[in-house]
Amino acid sequence: MRAYELMTIHRPEMAEDEVRQEINRLGSFLSDAGATVSPPDFWGKRRFAYEIDHLNEGYYTVLNFEAEPTMIEDLDRVLQLADTVVRHKVTRPE
């Protein structure tokens, strides 16, 4: 298993509770797939440096987890299809 860091940006019109529920569902998805998930680091609503899809702000969250490399494709597919996620990025911390 490898260590990964996932940063997501959720839509600004969502309520903070809804965003936290989405992050919990994402953590459950990872856990069900066999990953070890750390508690999420919720940054709250932040302003973007530049406009993304006609939006100027969004809810940022960082989630650290350990998983098999093959699971990252499934995670990426789920996040691309999610209407509530503006952007996401999966990285491997050094």
C-alpha atoms as a PDB file:
ATOM      1  CA  MET A   1       0.000   0.000   0.000  1.00  0.00           C
ATOM      2  CA  ARG A   2       1.144   3.519  -0.789  1.00  0.00           C
ATOM      3  CA  ALA A   3       0.445   6.831   0.906  1.00  0.00           C
ATOM      4  CA  TYR A   4      -1.686   9.357  -0.998  1.00  0.00           C
ATOM      5  CA  GLU A   5      -3.085  12.820  -0.399  1.00  0.00           C
ATOM      6  CA  LEU A   6      -6.387  13.868  -1.942  1.00  0.00           C
ATOM      7  CA  MET A   7      -7.431  17.507  -2.194  1.00  0.00           C
ATOM      8  CA  THR A   8     -11.000  18.263  -3.225  1.00  0.00           C
ATOM      9  CA  ILE A   9     -12.825  21.503  -3.903  1.00  0.00           C
ATOM     10  CA  HIS A  10     -16.602  21.343  -3.485  1.00  0.00           C
ATOM     11  CA  ARG A  11     -19.152  23.778  -4.887  1.00  0.00           C
ATOM     12  CA  PRO A  12     -19.652  26.986  -2.843  1.00  0.00           C
ATOM     13  CA  GLU A  13     -23.462  26.904  -2.874  1.00  0.00           C
ATOM     14  CA  MET A  14     -23.458  23.751  -0.738  1.00  0.00           C
ATOM     15  CA  ALA A  15     -23.932  24.037   3.024  1.00  0.00           C
ATOM     16  CA  GLU A  16     -20.899  23.200   5.137  1.00  0.00           C
ATOM     17  CA  ASP A  17     -22.713  20.195   6.646  1.00  0.00           C
ATOM     18  CA  GLU A  18     -23.418  18.811   3.163  1.00  0.00           C
ATOM     19  CA  VAL A  19     -19.742  19.115   2.234  1.00  0.00           C
ATOM     20  CA  ARG A  20     -18.702  17.299   5.405  1.00  0.00           C
ATOM     21  CA  GLN A  21     -21.213  14.516   4.615  1.00  0.00           C
ATOM     22  CA  GLU A  22     -19.753  14.182   1.107  1.00  0.00           C
ATOM     23  CA  ILE A  23     -16.250  13.914   2.570  1.00  0.00           C
ATOM     24  CA  ASN A  24     -17.439  11.244   5.013  1.00  0.00           C
ATOM     25  CA  ARG A  25     -18.992   9.293   2.110  1.00  0.00           C
ATOM     26  CA  LEU A  26     -15.720   9.583   0.234  1.00  0.00           C
ATOM     27  CA  GLY A  27     -13.833   8.268   3.274  1.00  0.00           C
ATOM     28  CA  SER A  28     -16.300   5.370   3.509  1.00  0.00           C
ATOM     29  CA  PHE A  29     -15.786   4.600  -0.190  1.00  0.00           C
ATOM     30  CA  LEU A  30     -12.025   4.449   0.369  1.00  0.00           C
ATOM     31  CA  SER A  31     -12.361   2.333   3.521  1.00  0.00           C
ATOM     32  CA  ASP A  32     -14.716  -0.112   1.809  1.00  0.00           C
ATOM     33  CA  ALA A  33     -12.158  -0.523  -0.972  1.00  0.00           C
ATOM     34  CA  GLY A  34      -9.494  -1.496   1.571  1.00  0.00           C
ATOM     35  CA  ALA A  35      -7.741   1.830   2.158  1.00  0.00           C
ATOM     36  CA  THR A  36      -6.592   3.165   5.512  1.00  0.00           C
ATOM     37  CA  VAL A  37      -8.030   6.671   5.851  1.00  0.00           C
ATOM     38  CA  SER A  38      -6.878   9.439   8.207  1.00  0.00           C
ATOM     39  CA  PRO A  39      -9.369  12.013   9.517  1.00  0.00           C
ATOM     40  CA  PRO A  40     -10.065  14.727   6.902  1.00  0.00           C
ATOM     41  CA  ASP A  41      -8.531  18.188   7.156  1.00  0.00           C
ATOM     42  CA  PHE A  42     -11.427  20.555   6.332  1.00  0.00           C
ATOM     43  CA  TRP A  43     -10.157  24.001   5.295  1.00  0.00           C
ATOM     44  CA  GLY A  44     -13.567  25.587   4.782  1.00  0.00           C
ATOM     45  CA  LYS A  45     -14.630  28.022   2.081  1.00  0.00           C
ATOM     46  CA  ARG A  46     -11.720  29.744   0.335  1.00  0.00           C
ATOM     47  CA  ARG A  47     -11.446  32.165  -2.536  1.00  0.00           C
ATOM     48  CA  PHE A  48      -9.825  30.880  -5.759  1.00  0.00           C
ATOM     49  CA  ALA A  49      -6.757  32.513  -7.264  1.00  0.00           C
ATOM     50  CA  TYR A  50      -8.568  32.413 -10.620  1.00  0.00           C
ATOM     51  CA  GLU A  51     -12.085  31.617 -11.810  1.00  0.00           C
ATOM     52  CA  ILE A  52     -12.961  27.929 -12.296  1.00  0.00           C
ATOM     53  CA  ASP A  53     -16.168  27.083 -14.186  1.00  0.00           C
ATOM     54  CA  HIS A  54     -17.516  30.603 -13.465  1.00  0.00           C
ATOM     55  CA  LEU A  55     -16.957  30.117  -9.704  1.00  0.00           C
ATOM     56  CA  ASN A  56     -14.779  32.271  -7.466  1.00  0.00           C
ATOM     57  CA  GLU A  57     -14.734  30.181  -4.268  1.00  0.00           C
ATOM     58  CA  GLY A  58     -15.209  26.648  -2.963  1.00  0.00           C
ATOM     59  CA  TYR A  59     -14.807  24.335   0.049  1.00  0.00           C
ATOM     60  CA  TYR A  60     -11.333  22.833   0.316  1.00  0.00           C
ATOM     61  CA  THR A  61     -10.612  19.499   2.011  1.00  0.00           C
ATOM     62  CA  VAL A  62      -7.446  17.401   2.280  1.00  0.00           C
ATOM     63  CA  LEU A  63      -7.708  13.663   2.919  1.00  0.00           C
ATOM     64  CA  ASN A  64      -4.667  11.449   3.571  1.00  0.00           C
ATOM     65  CA  PHE A  65      -4.957   7.712   2.986  1.00  0.00           C
ATOM     66  CA  GLU A  66      -3.007   4.564   2.172  1.00  0.00           C
ATOM     67  CA  ALA A  67      -4.243   2.399  -0.674  1.00  0.00           C
ATOM     68  CA  GLU A  68      -3.250   0.124  -3.516  1.00  0.00           C
ATOM     69  CA  PRO A  69      -2.252   1.976  -6.706  1.00  0.00           C
ATOM     70  CA  THR A  70      -5.027   0.302  -8.720  1.00  0.00           C
ATOM     71  CA  MET A  71      -7.680   1.954  -6.559  1.00  0.00           C
ATOM     72  CA  ILE A  72      -6.668   5.473  -7.641  1.00  0.00           C
ATOM     73  CA  GLU A  73      -8.309   5.020 -11.072  1.00  0.00           C
ATOM     74  CA  ASP A  74     -11.638   4.124  -9.430  1.00  0.00           C
ATOM     75  CA  LEU A  75     -11.359   7.088  -7.068  1.00  0.00           C
ATOM     76  CA  ASP A  76     -10.586   9.424  -9.960  1.00  0.00           C
ATOM     77  CA  ARG A  77     -13.594   8.139 -11.915  1.00  0.00           C
ATOM     78  CA  VAL A  78     -15.934   8.637  -8.933  1.00  0.00           C
ATOM     79  CA  LEU A  79     -14.707  12.198  -8.341  1.00  0.00           C
ATOM     80  CA  GLN A  80     -14.946  13.162 -12.022  1.00  0.00           C
ATOM     81  CA  LEU A  81     -18.580  12.053 -12.095  1.00  0.00           C
ATOM     82  CA  ALA A  82     -19.508  13.840  -8.850  1.00  0.00           C
ATOM     83  CA  ASP A  83     -21.494  17.006  -9.550  1.00  0.00           C
ATOM     84  CA  THR A  84     -20.545  18.520  -6.196  1.00  0.00           C
ATOM     85  CA  VAL A  85     -16.771  18.379  -6.822  1.00  0.00           C
ATOM     86  CA  VAL A  86     -15.315  21.310  -8.763  1.00  0.00           C
ATOM     87  CA  ARG A  87     -11.723  19.997  -8.817  1.00  0.00           C
ATOM     88  CA  HIS A  88      -9.714  17.206  -7.225  1.00  0.00           C
ATOM     89  CA  LYS A  89      -6.076  16.189  -7.155  1.00  0.00           C
ATOM     90  CA  VAL A  90      -4.451  12.984  -5.899  1.00  0.00           C
ATOM     91  CA  THR A  91      -0.743  13.205  -5.059  1.00  0.00           C
ATOM     92  CA  ARG A  92       1.856  11.043  -3.348  1.00  0.00           C
ATOM     93  CA  PRO A  93       3.552  12.923  -0.501  1.00  0.00           C
ATOM     94  CA  GLU A  94       7.318  12.585  -0.412  1.00  0.00           C
END
